[in-house]
């Protein structure tokens, strides 16, 4: 009896058979558009996969994929998956030190990379002793191995590609490190397959659409759903700096009906479109993730897309995605006012097949489900999730498994590290990261509810609450980033803004302890993947070094 192939890349083959001439990838390069059909993409990736196996790679081997997001990135990822190899995906923006450490801990068997990455690998050869099979995307210099063209030539002869089962490794994806050291997360083919099915079903994504993929992972999912991936000319590690005009022109020219991007990207795009009286009527489905999307951004987006368009903000993490989702109308009509009053941010209802519980906040490991204590409805605790898209282990930073995984018989729960509460409609309200809470001698302050009170000031773009001193005896300090157009220019303007914010702190019991409020001299530091999550650990260090302690 033939075993069914669980390889997530086999989905591409199905679409190549169903719609061979359908467009899989559109990639603009100046005034020219490079187009790849599903049939072409399937054939190209089959040939590359065969070439990799003939070169000496074996199924299960780990391969660092260090190529900028592009049509080439999509081809190479599919080729690795089809060969049964395990791509290691790391955000290059995490900095050289973190990058090298992450790759070293992942113990790759080879690199599939651009010349610059191979140069670093060669210089640091002692850290990558197991990486004996290497492919250069571009011109090979002095380090040996093969070029991508040579690998493609090796794969011209037909041969059978390996099959995969559900629990086989499919990828190692690193967290950004925005709330601690980056960790390598083990993905299986089963997890990827369930992610695609849940996303397609929840958002009713039909084949044949065109998706503006401003985030690499979604670009890969498109081809597995029969959707065209349109790759924008942008640096995916800097979505906040996207050329909004160019992006809007691409949406209009290619008649794009779906788009995925971070809140920082949509803040910039919607702002430019409104200022220039532009609309994007072809857009009917917009997704934004990576951090909570401010209601102001949702309102602006709704004003430029099709009137009947849906704007979703899915919630999850590298270790568990997707978990929940909410649509913009529900936010603007029902939850935004409560968020502004300090209730937290509603991330919506859970996806099908996802189980979740809100448990008492603990910083220690929880070994088994018997040690878990659920909190009451409406009480803030830590979110714990289980389901077919929830990863079961870290393959680097192994000490973190005990802190994040809870055994429940043969199953595992993942502790999200996020705090919040469930309401009587089964929706989760996000109140911040567990590690970011500020414990004073009087109470525990949670970042999102407190910051929301101050973010309502018309001159404030965003704020970050951090603690100075040890938990239990910490002093809360609010760091403020004004809107660029509202940044104080004189001492009097600065005093007026700070006085206004200090007055606001007295408006609720949860903020009345916040008496130290400071303006940050630049934009607040944010995560490298979405440019939206505030890097509070870095701000806490800045406060400790630069802000004199009050009396």
Protein backbone atom coordinates (compact mmCIF):
# COMPACT_ATOMS: atom_id res chain seq x y z
CA UNK A 1 0.00 0.00 0.00
CA UNK A 2 1.46 3.36 -1.05
CA UNK A 3 1.97 5.88 1.75
CA UNK A 4 0.37 9.26 1.17
CA UNK A 5 2.92 12.03 0.87
CA UNK A 6 2.48 14.61 3.64
CA UNK A 7 5.13 16.92 2.18
CA UNK A 8 3.58 20.38 2.27
CA UNK A 9 5.32 21.14 -1.05
CA UNK A 10 3.21 18.47 -2.76
CA UNK A 11 0.41 21.07 -2.72
CA UNK A 12 2.28 22.98 -5.41
CA UNK A 13 2.25 19.92 -7.66
CA UNK A 14 -1.53 19.66 -7.29
CA UNK A 15 -2.01 23.26 -8.42
CA UNK A 16 0.43 22.76 -11.30
CA UNK A 17 -1.79 19.91 -12.53
CA UNK A 18 -5.07 21.76 -11.95
CA UNK A 19 -4.02 25.11 -13.44
CA UNK A 20 -0.68 24.71 -15.25
CA UNK A 21 -0.81 28.11 -16.94
CA UNK A 22 -2.05 29.93 -13.84
CA UNK A 23 0.36 32.56 -12.57
CA UNK A 24 2.21 31.54 -9.40
CA UNK A 25 4.63 34.48 -9.05
CA UNK A 26 4.72 38.05 -10.32
CA UNK A 27 7.93 39.87 -9.51
CA UNK A 28 8.40 43.47 -10.64
CA UNK A 29 11.88 44.61 -11.59
CA UNK A 30 11.68 48.23 -12.61
CA UNK A 31 9.24 48.44 -15.54
CA UNK A 32 9.48 44.70 -16.26
CA UNK A 33 7.41 41.98 -14.61
CA UNK A 34 8.84 38.47 -14.31
CA UNK A 35 6.01 35.93 -14.40
CA UNK A 36 6.22 32.27 -13.37
CA UNK A 37 3.34 29.83 -13.89
CA UNK A 38 2.44 27.04 -11.48
CA UNK A 39 3.66 24.47 -14.00
CA UNK A 40 6.99 26.28 -14.40
CA UNK A 41 7.45 26.68 -10.65
CA UNK A 42 6.72 23.00 -10.07
CA UNK A 43 9.14 21.87 -12.79
CA UNK A 44 11.90 24.25 -11.69
CA UNK A 45 11.68 23.19 -8.05
CA UNK A 46 11.57 19.48 -8.96
CA UNK A 47 14.77 19.88 -10.96
CA UNK A 48 16.52 21.76 -8.16
CA UNK A 49 15.40 19.19 -5.59
CA UNK A 50 16.77 16.32 -7.69
CA UNK A 51 20.03 18.23 -8.15
CA UNK A 52 20.43 18.74 -4.41
CA UNK A 53 19.95 15.04 -3.74
CA UNK A 54 22.43 14.06 -6.48
CA UNK A 55 24.89 16.55 -5.00
CA UNK A 56 24.89 14.52 -1.77
CA UNK A 57 22.15 15.99 0.39
CA UNK A 58 19.96 13.46 2.18
CA UNK A 59 16.40 13.89 3.48
CA UNK A 60 16.35 15.33 6.99
CA UNK A 61 19.53 17.38 6.58
CA UNK A 62 19.40 20.98 7.75
CA UNK A 63 20.21 23.75 5.28
CA UNK A 64 20.60 27.45 6.01
CA UNK A 65 18.60 29.42 3.44
CA UNK A 66 20.20 32.86 3.24
CA UNK A 67 18.60 34.50 0.21
CA UNK A 68 16.59 37.76 0.15
CA UNK A 69 12.83 37.37 -0.23
CA UNK A 70 12.15 37.10 -3.95
CA UNK A 71 10.88 34.68 -6.55
CA UNK A 72 14.20 32.88 -6.11
CA UNK A 73 13.55 32.53 -2.38
CA UNK A 74 10.19 30.87 -3.08
CA UNK A 75 11.73 28.49 -5.64
CA UNK A 76 14.56 27.50 -3.33
CA UNK A 77 12.27 26.90 -0.35
CA UNK A 78 10.03 24.61 -2.40
CA UNK A 79 13.09 22.78 -3.76
CA UNK A 80 14.44 22.18 -0.26
CA UNK A 81 11.07 20.90 0.95
CA UNK A 82 10.65 18.61 -2.07
CA UNK A 83 14.10 17.14 -1.44
CA UNK A 84 13.04 16.37 2.13
CA UNK A 85 15.55 18.90 3.46
CA UNK A 86 14.94 21.21 6.41
CA UNK A 87 15.43 24.92 5.63
CA UNK A 88 16.71 27.05 8.51
CA UNK A 89 15.08 30.49 8.33
CA UNK A 90 16.52 33.41 10.27
CA UNK A 91 15.77 37.14 10.06
CA UNK A 92 18.96 38.79 8.81
CA UNK A 93 18.06 42.00 10.63
CA UNK A 94 18.73 40.43 14.06
CA UNK A 95 22.37 41.50 13.84
CA UNK A 96 25.50 39.55 12.99
CA UNK A 97 26.19 38.31 16.53
CA UNK A 98 22.69 36.87 17.04
CA UNK A 99 22.62 35.56 13.47
CA UNK A 100 25.87 33.63 13.78
CA UNK A 101 24.91 32.21 17.17
CA UNK A 102 21.50 31.06 15.90
CA UNK A 103 22.94 29.36 12.84
CA UNK A 104 25.71 27.72 14.86
CA UNK A 105 23.22 26.32 17.39
CA UNK A 106 21.07 24.92 14.55
CA UNK A 107 24.03 22.81 13.36
CA UNK A 108 23.40 23.03 9.61
CA UNK A 109 24.65 20.42 7.15
CA UNK A 110 24.99 23.05 4.45
CA UNK A 111 24.27 26.56 3.23
CA UNK A 112 22.13 27.64 0.28
CA UNK A 113 23.07 31.28 0.22
CA UNK A 114 24.18 34.41 -1.56
CA UNK A 115 27.95 35.08 -1.81
CA UNK A 116 28.06 37.45 1.19
CA UNK A 117 26.67 34.75 3.49
CA UNK A 118 29.16 32.19 2.20
CA UNK A 119 32.00 34.63 2.83
CA UNK A 120 30.94 34.92 6.48
CA UNK A 121 30.52 31.14 6.73
CA UNK A 122 34.04 30.63 5.38
CA UNK A 123 35.62 33.18 7.71
CA UNK A 124 33.83 31.58 10.67
CA UNK A 125 34.42 28.04 9.44
CA UNK A 126 35.13 26.61 12.90
CA UNK A 127 31.54 27.39 13.92
CA UNK A 128 30.05 25.44 11.01
CA UNK A 129 32.14 22.28 10.81
CA UNK A 130 29.17 20.12 9.77
CA UNK A 131 28.25 22.40 6.84
CA UNK A 132 29.98 20.39 4.11
CA UNK A 133 27.40 20.73 1.34
CA UNK A 134 27.08 24.28 0.08
CA UNK A 135 25.39 25.99 -2.84
CA UNK A 136 26.00 29.56 -3.97
CA UNK A 137 23.14 31.62 -5.37
CA UNK A 138 25.11 33.89 -7.67
CA UNK A 139 28.82 33.96 -8.39
CA UNK A 140 30.92 31.50 -6.42
CA UNK A 141 34.19 32.85 -5.12
CA UNK A 142 36.83 30.90 -3.19
CA UNK A 143 34.86 28.61 -0.87
CA UNK A 144 34.06 25.63 -3.08
CA UNK A 145 30.74 23.87 -3.31
CA UNK A 146 28.47 24.31 -6.29
CA UNK A 147 26.56 27.11 -7.91
CA UNK A 148 22.80 27.00 -8.19
CA UNK A 149 23.12 26.60 -11.95
CA UNK A 150 25.30 23.52 -11.51
CA UNK A 151 22.79 22.03 -9.09
CA UNK A 152 19.99 22.64 -11.58
CA UNK A 153 21.98 20.85 -14.29
CA UNK A 154 22.49 17.87 -11.97
CA UNK A 155 18.72 17.60 -11.61
CA UNK A 156 17.87 17.29 -15.31
CA UNK A 157 17.61 13.50 -15.21
CA UNK A 158 14.26 12.26 -13.92
CA UNK A 159 14.17 10.54 -10.54
CA UNK A 160 11.66 9.99 -7.74
CA UNK A 161 11.64 12.53 -4.94
CA UNK A 162 11.32 11.36 -1.33
CA UNK A 163 7.99 11.34 0.46
CA UNK A 164 7.45 12.83 3.91
CA UNK A 165 5.17 11.84 6.78
CA UNK A 166 3.30 14.22 9.09
CA UNK A 167 5.88 14.34 11.86
CA UNK A 168 8.94 14.75 9.65
CA UNK A 169 10.87 17.98 10.15
CA UNK A 170 9.92 20.61 7.57
CA UNK A 171 11.75 23.76 8.75
CA UNK A 172 13.47 25.49 11.63
CA UNK A 173 12.19 29.04 12.01
CA UNK A 174 13.78 31.40 14.50
CA UNK A 175 11.89 33.82 16.69
CA UNK A 176 12.93 37.45 16.31
CA UNK A 177 14.46 37.77 19.76
CA UNK A 178 12.38 40.86 20.53
CA UNK A 179 11.52 39.44 23.99
CA UNK A 180 14.59 37.32 24.72
CA UNK A 181 17.27 35.41 22.83
CA UNK A 182 16.11 34.10 19.42
CA UNK A 183 14.98 30.48 19.57
CA UNK A 184 14.84 27.89 16.79
CA UNK A 185 11.33 26.45 16.46
CA UNK A 186 10.77 23.00 14.96
CA UNK A 187 8.11 22.93 12.24
CA UNK A 188 6.75 19.68 10.83
CA UNK A 189 4.94 19.07 7.55
CA UNK A 190 1.77 18.46 9.54
CA UNK A 191 2.00 21.91 11.15
CA UNK A 192 2.46 23.65 7.81
CA UNK A 193 -0.42 21.72 6.23
CA UNK A 194 -2.76 22.60 9.09
CA UNK A 195 -1.71 26.27 9.00
CA UNK A 196 -2.62 26.52 5.33
CA UNK A 197 -5.97 24.80 5.81
CA UNK A 198 -6.94 26.93 8.81
CA UNK A 199 -5.96 30.21 7.12
CA UNK A 200 -7.69 29.34 3.84
CA UNK A 201 -10.90 28.28 5.60
CA UNK A 202 -11.13 31.12 8.15
CA UNK A 203 -10.46 33.85 5.62
CA UNK A 204 -12.30 32.15 2.73
CA UNK A 205 -9.34 32.51 0.38
CA UNK A 206 -10.29 31.20 -3.08
CA UNK A 207 -7.76 30.08 -5.69
CA UNK A 208 -7.01 32.48 -8.52
CA UNK A 209 -6.53 35.63 -6.46
CA UNK A 210 -3.47 37.86 -6.31
CA UNK A 211 -1.74 38.43 -3.00
CA UNK A 212 0.72 41.22 -2.22
CA UNK A 213 3.13 39.27 -0.02
CA UNK A 214 4.95 41.73 2.23
CA UNK A 215 5.93 38.89 4.56
CA UNK A 216 7.92 35.87 3.23
CA UNK A 217 5.99 33.07 4.95
CA UNK A 218 2.68 34.19 3.44
CA UNK A 219 4.34 34.33 0.03
CA UNK A 220 5.10 30.62 0.37
CA UNK A 221 1.57 29.79 1.48
CA UNK A 222 0.04 31.51 -1.57
CA UNK A 223 1.34 28.95 -4.06
CA UNK A 224 0.00 26.15 -1.87
CA UNK A 225 -3.48 27.71 -2.05
CA UNK A 226 -3.50 28.37 -5.79
CA UNK A 227 -3.01 32.10 -5.26
CA UNK A 228 -0.60 34.33 -7.20
CA UNK A 229 2.22 35.79 -5.11
CA UNK A 230 3.04 39.37 -6.08
CA UNK A 231 6.41 40.28 -4.60
CA UNK A 232 6.84 43.99 -3.82
CA UNK A 233 10.09 45.89 -4.26
CA UNK A 234 10.86 46.41 -0.58
CA UNK A 235 13.11 45.25 2.22
CA UNK A 236 10.91 42.80 4.18
CA UNK A 237 13.02 43.43 7.30
CA UNK A 238 12.10 47.14 7.16
CA UNK A 239 8.36 47.29 6.41
CA UNK A 240 8.04 50.62 8.24
CA UNK A 241 10.23 52.21 5.56
CA UNK A 242 8.32 50.88 2.55
CA UNK A 243 7.88 53.13 -0.47
CA UNK A 244 4.11 53.60 -0.10
CA UNK A 245 3.67 55.18 -3.51
CA UNK A 246 5.36 52.29 -5.27
CA UNK A 247 3.35 49.76 -3.27
CA UNK A 248 0.04 51.45 -4.11
CA UNK A 249 0.97 51.60 -7.78
CA UNK A 250 1.73 47.88 -7.74
CA UNK A 251 -1.63 47.08 -6.15
CA UNK A 252 -3.43 49.12 -8.81
CA UNK A 253 -1.42 47.88 -11.80
CA UNK A 254 -1.65 44.18 -10.88
CA UNK A 255 -5.25 44.43 -9.62
CA UNK A 256 -4.23 42.82 -6.33
CA UNK A 257 -7.18 41.67 -4.23
CA UNK A 258 -5.37 40.46 -1.10
CA UNK A 259 -2.42 41.76 0.89
CA UNK A 260 -0.51 40.81 4.02
CA UNK A 261 1.65 43.31 5.90
CA UNK A 262 2.64 44.51 9.34
CA UNK A 263 0.84 47.33 11.18
CA UNK A 264 3.85 49.57 10.55
CA UNK A 265 3.56 48.99 6.80
CA UNK A 266 -0.17 49.74 6.70
CA UNK A 267 0.33 52.84 8.86
CA UNK A 268 2.67 54.19 6.20
CA UNK A 269 0.67 53.06 3.17
CA UNK A 270 -2.71 54.31 4.44
CA UNK A 271 -1.19 57.63 5.48
CA UNK A 272 0.34 58.21 2.05
CA UNK A 273 -2.82 57.17 0.21
CA UNK A 274 -5.03 59.53 2.19
CA UNK A 275 -2.60 62.45 1.79
CA UNK A 276 -2.50 61.86 -1.97
CA UNK A 277 -6.20 61.13 -2.43
CA UNK A 278 -5.52 57.58 -3.62
CA UNK A 279 -7.70 54.50 -3.12
CA UNK A 280 -7.08 50.78 -3.59
CA UNK A 281 -10.52 49.50 -4.69
CA UNK A 282 -9.22 46.12 -5.87
CA UNK A 283 -8.18 45.18 -2.30
CA UNK A 284 -10.89 43.05 -0.72
CA UNK A 285 -8.93 41.12 1.88
CA UNK A 286 -6.19 42.67 4.02
CA UNK A 287 -4.32 40.91 6.80
CA UNK A 288 -2.02 42.53 9.33
CA UNK A 289 -0.07 40.75 12.04
CA UNK A 290 3.03 41.00 14.17
CA UNK A 291 1.57 43.39 16.74
CA UNK A 292 -1.83 44.87 17.60
CA UNK A 293 -3.12 47.15 14.85
CA UNK A 294 -4.18 50.57 16.22
CA UNK A 295 -7.82 51.51 15.49
CA UNK A 296 -6.59 54.66 13.74
CA UNK A 297 -4.74 52.49 11.21
CA UNK A 298 -7.80 50.30 10.70
CA UNK A 299 -10.00 53.37 10.08
CA UNK A 300 -7.55 54.75 7.56
CA UNK A 301 -7.27 51.41 5.79
CA UNK A 302 -11.03 51.04 5.57
CA UNK A 303 -11.21 54.45 3.88
CA UNK A 304 -8.92 53.44 0.99
CA UNK A 305 -9.90 49.81 0.22
CA UNK A 306 -13.11 48.44 -1.29
CA UNK A 307 -16.15 49.30 0.88
CA UNK A 308 -16.98 45.62 1.37
CA UNK A 309 -13.36 44.61 2.02
CA UNK A 310 -12.43 42.61 5.10
CA UNK A 311 -9.43 43.64 7.20
CA UNK A 312 -8.26 40.93 9.58
CA UNK A 313 -5.70 41.00 12.36
CA UNK A 314 -4.64 37.40 13.05
CA UNK A 315 -2.94 36.66 16.37
CA UNK A 316 -0.24 34.13 17.11
CA UNK A 317 3.50 33.64 17.46
CA UNK A 318 6.32 31.83 15.68
CA UNK A 319 5.64 28.89 17.99
CA UNK A 320 1.87 28.86 17.45
CA UNK A 321 0.21 30.41 14.41
CA UNK A 322 -2.63 31.12 13.77
CA UNK A 323 -4.41 31.20 17.14
CA UNK A 324 -7.12 33.88 16.92
CA UNK A 325 -8.42 36.58 14.62
CA UNK A 326 -10.71 39.60 14.57
CA UNK A 327 -12.11 41.70 11.72
CA UNK A 328 -11.80 45.50 11.61
CA UNK A 329 -15.54 46.20 11.90
CA UNK A 330 -15.71 44.28 15.17
CA UNK A 331 -12.76 46.29 16.48
CA UNK A 332 -14.07 49.70 15.41
CA UNK A 333 -17.70 49.06 16.37
CA UNK A 334 -17.28 47.01 19.55
CA UNK A 335 -13.84 46.79 21.17
CA UNK A 336 -11.85 49.95 20.33
CA UNK A 337 -13.57 52.14 22.92
CA UNK A 338 -12.91 49.63 25.68
CA UNK A 339 -9.26 49.39 24.58
CA UNK A 340 -8.91 53.17 24.76
CA UNK A 341 -10.13 53.03 28.36
CA UNK A 342 -7.40 50.55 29.32
CA UNK A 343 -9.13 47.18 28.97
CA UNK A 344 -6.51 45.68 26.66
CA UNK A 345 -6.71 44.82 22.96
CA UNK A 346 -9.19 42.22 21.78
CA UNK A 347 -7.49 39.83 19.34
CA UNK A 348 -10.70 37.97 18.66
CA UNK A 349 -11.96 34.41 18.74
CA UNK A 350 -9.87 31.29 18.37
CA UNK A 351 -9.41 29.35 15.14
CA UNK A 352 -11.05 25.97 14.74
CA UNK A 353 -9.06 23.11 16.30
CA UNK A 354 -7.32 25.48 18.74
CA UNK A 355 -7.72 24.98 22.49
CA UNK A 356 -6.75 27.71 24.90
CA UNK A 357 -6.70 28.39 28.62
CA UNK A 358 -5.76 31.43 30.68
CA UNK A 359 -3.72 30.31 33.66
CA UNK A 360 -2.23 31.94 36.74
CA UNK A 361 0.94 33.87 35.92
CA UNK A 362 4.10 31.94 36.77
CA UNK A 363 7.69 32.64 35.81
CA UNK A 364 8.86 29.12 36.67
CA UNK A 365 8.54 25.99 34.50
CA UNK A 366 5.28 24.04 34.70
CA UNK A 367 6.09 20.38 34.24
CA UNK A 368 2.62 18.92 33.80
CA UNK A 369 -1.01 19.91 33.41
CA UNK A 370 -1.70 18.99 37.04
CA UNK A 371 0.31 22.05 38.14
CA UNK A 372 -1.81 24.47 36.09
CA UNK A 373 -4.33 26.74 37.80
CA UNK A 374 -6.93 28.37 35.56
CA UNK A 375 -7.99 31.93 36.39
CA UNK A 376 -11.56 33.13 36.40
CA UNK A 377 -13.30 34.62 33.36
CA UNK A 378 -12.16 38.23 32.98
CA UNK A 379 -9.09 37.78 35.17
CA UNK A 380 -5.67 38.49 33.65
CA UNK A 381 -3.38 35.49 33.35
CA UNK A 382 -1.05 33.83 30.86
CA UNK A 383 -2.43 32.33 27.66
CA UNK A 384 -1.70 28.67 27.03
CA UNK A 385 -2.61 27.02 23.70
CA UNK A 386 -2.75 23.59 22.08
CA UNK A 387 -3.70 22.34 18.64
CA UNK A 388 -2.36 21.06 15.32
CA UNK A 389 -0.50 24.31 14.51
CA UNK A 390 1.18 24.57 17.91
CA UNK A 391 4.84 23.56 17.77
CA UNK A 392 6.10 21.11 20.35
CA UNK A 393 9.75 22.03 20.85
CA UNK A 394 12.64 24.40 20.40
CA UNK A 395 15.68 22.82 18.75
CA UNK A 396 18.03 25.52 20.01
CA UNK A 397 18.00 27.18 23.41
CA UNK A 398 16.75 23.85 24.75
CA UNK A 399 16.39 25.29 28.25
CA UNK A 400 13.39 27.25 26.97
CA UNK A 401 11.36 24.09 26.40
CA UNK A 402 10.77 23.69 30.13
CA UNK A 403 9.62 27.32 30.42
CA UNK A 404 7.19 27.20 27.50
CA UNK A 405 5.90 23.63 27.15
CA UNK A 406 3.44 21.89 29.49
CA UNK A 407 2.87 18.16 29.18
CA UNK A 408 -0.72 16.91 29.18
CA UNK A 409 -0.55 13.14 28.80
CA UNK A 410 0.65 12.49 25.26
CA UNK A 411 0.04 16.12 24.26
CA UNK A 412 1.81 19.42 24.87
CA UNK A 413 0.52 22.90 25.56
CA UNK A 414 2.53 26.00 24.65
CA UNK A 415 2.69 28.93 27.06
CA UNK A 416 2.50 31.99 24.81
CA UNK A 417 4.25 34.35 27.21
CA UNK A 418 1.34 36.75 26.57
CA UNK A 419 -0.97 37.91 29.34
CA UNK A 420 -4.62 38.83 29.04
CA UNK A 421 -8.10 37.50 29.72
CA UNK A 422 -11.07 35.78 28.10
CA UNK A 423 -14.40 37.59 27.93
CA UNK A 424 -17.87 36.04 28.09
CA UNK A 425 -17.91 35.72 24.30
CA UNK A 426 -14.78 33.59 24.26
CA UNK A 427 -12.52 36.33 22.89
CA UNK A 428 -8.99 36.91 24.17
CA UNK A 429 -7.97 40.41 25.26
CA UNK A 430 -4.21 40.91 24.98
CA UNK A 431 -2.63 42.91 27.81
CA UNK A 432 1.05 42.57 26.96
CA UNK A 433 3.98 40.22 27.36
CA UNK A 434 4.39 38.44 30.68
CA UNK A 435 8.05 39.49 30.83
CA UNK A 436 7.07 43.15 30.34
CA UNK A 437 4.73 43.47 33.31
CA UNK A 438 5.87 45.93 35.97
CA UNK A 439 5.43 44.74 39.57
CA UNK A 440 5.47 47.63 42.02
CA UNK A 441 5.07 47.28 45.80
CA UNK A 442 1.36 48.10 45.34
CA UNK A 443 0.24 46.31 42.18
CA UNK A 444 1.12 44.69 38.87
CA UNK A 445 0.95 46.97 35.84
CA UNK A 446 0.39 45.46 32.39
CA UNK A 447 1.82 47.33 29.43
CA UNK A 448 -1.00 47.43 26.87
CA UNK A 449 -3.84 48.63 29.14
CA UNK A 450 -1.65 51.31 30.73
CA UNK A 451 -0.15 52.54 27.47
CA UNK A 452 -3.59 52.79 25.86
CA UNK A 453 -4.57 55.53 28.32
CA UNK A 454 -1.67 57.72 27.18
CA UNK A 455 -1.84 56.80 23.50
CA UNK A 456 -5.16 58.65 23.25
CA UNK A 457 -3.35 62.00 23.53
CA UNK A 458 -3.49 63.62 20.06
CA UNK A 459 0.24 64.40 20.05
CA UNK A 460 1.32 60.87 21.02
CA UNK A 461 2.15 58.23 18.41
CA UNK A 462 2.96 55.44 20.88
CA UNK A 463 4.29 54.80 24.38
CA UNK A 464 6.12 52.05 26.22
CA UNK A 465 5.85 51.21 29.91
CA UNK A 466 9.01 49.80 31.48
CA UNK A 467 10.11 49.11 35.01
CA UNK A 468 13.19 50.39 36.81
CA UNK A 469 14.43 48.12 39.54
CA UNK A 470 13.59 44.53 40.54
CA UNK A 471 10.12 43.04 40.18
CA UNK A 472 8.09 43.63 43.32
CA UNK A 473 9.91 46.87 43.98
CA UNK A 474 9.94 48.34 40.47
CA UNK A 475 9.21 51.96 39.59
CA UNK A 476 7.07 52.37 36.45
CA UNK A 477 8.48 54.69 33.78
CA UNK A 478 6.56 55.69 30.66
CA UNK A 479 8.63 56.35 27.52
CA UNK A 480 6.85 58.44 24.89
CA UNK A 481 7.25 58.81 21.14
CA UNK A 482 5.23 61.81 19.87
CA UNK A 483 3.96 62.02 16.32
CA UNK A 484 6.75 63.40 14.14
CA UNK A 485 4.67 66.49 13.41
CA UNK A 486 3.92 67.02 17.12
CA UNK A 487 7.35 66.52 18.65
CA UNK A 488 8.03 69.41 21.07
CA UNK A 489 10.55 71.93 19.79
CA UNK A 490 10.88 74.12 22.84
CA UNK A 491 11.21 73.52 26.56
CA UNK A 492 7.74 74.97 27.09
CA UNK A 493 6.14 72.61 24.53
CA UNK A 494 7.88 69.64 26.13
CA UNK A 495 6.68 70.64 29.61
CA UNK A 496 3.13 71.11 28.35
CA UNK A 497 3.02 67.63 26.81
CA UNK A 498 4.53 65.93 29.86
CA UNK A 499 2.15 67.78 32.18
CA UNK A 500 -0.81 66.65 30.05
CA UNK A 501 0.35 63.03 30.23
CA UNK A 502 0.94 63.19 33.98
CA UNK A 503 -2.59 64.48 34.37
CA UNK A 504 -3.85 61.54 32.33
CA UNK A 505 -2.01 59.13 34.62
CA UNK A 506 -4.35 60.17 37.42
CA UNK A 507 -7.45 59.17 35.47
CA UNK A 508 -7.35 55.44 36.34
CA UNK A 509 -6.17 53.35 39.28
CA UNK A 510 -3.94 51.27 37.01
CA UNK A 511 -1.95 54.30 35.81
CA UNK A 512 -1.93 56.55 38.88
CA UNK A 513 1.46 55.19 39.98
CA UNK A 514 3.06 56.27 36.68
CA UNK A 515 4.59 59.61 37.59
CA UNK A 516 7.87 59.32 35.67
CA UNK A 517 7.20 60.15 32.03
CA UNK A 518 9.99 60.86 29.53
CA UNK A 519 10.21 61.64 25.82
CA UNK A 520 12.35 59.32 23.73
CA UNK A 521 14.69 61.29 21.45
CA UNK A 522 14.07 59.05 18.42
CA UNK A 523 11.59 56.50 17.15
CA UNK A 524 11.03 53.75 19.70
CA UNK A 525 13.08 50.62 18.95
CA UNK A 526 10.97 47.86 17.38
CA UNK A 527 11.30 44.22 16.34
CA UNK A 528 13.16 43.30 13.16
CA UNK A 529 10.42 41.19 11.57
CA UNK A 530 7.39 43.49 11.59
CA UNK A 531 8.82 46.83 12.86
CA UNK A 532 5.79 46.99 15.17
CA UNK A 533 6.51 45.30 18.51
CA UNK A 534 8.21 47.78 20.83
CA UNK A 535 11.57 46.53 22.10
CA UNK A 536 10.91 47.28 25.77
CA UNK A 537 13.99 45.44 27.02
CA UNK A 538 16.16 47.92 25.15
CA UNK A 539 14.13 50.83 26.48
CA UNK A 540 14.50 49.59 30.05
CA UNK A 541 18.27 49.69 29.63
CA UNK A 542 18.04 53.19 28.14
CA UNK A 543 15.95 54.37 31.11
CA UNK A 544 18.43 52.89 33.58
CA UNK A 545 21.31 54.68 31.89
CA UNK A 546 19.78 57.99 30.87
CA UNK A 547 16.81 58.88 33.06
CA UNK A 548 17.67 60.23 36.53
CA UNK A 549 15.72 58.48 39.26
CA UNK A 550 13.04 60.66 40.80
CA UNK A 551 12.97 61.56 44.50
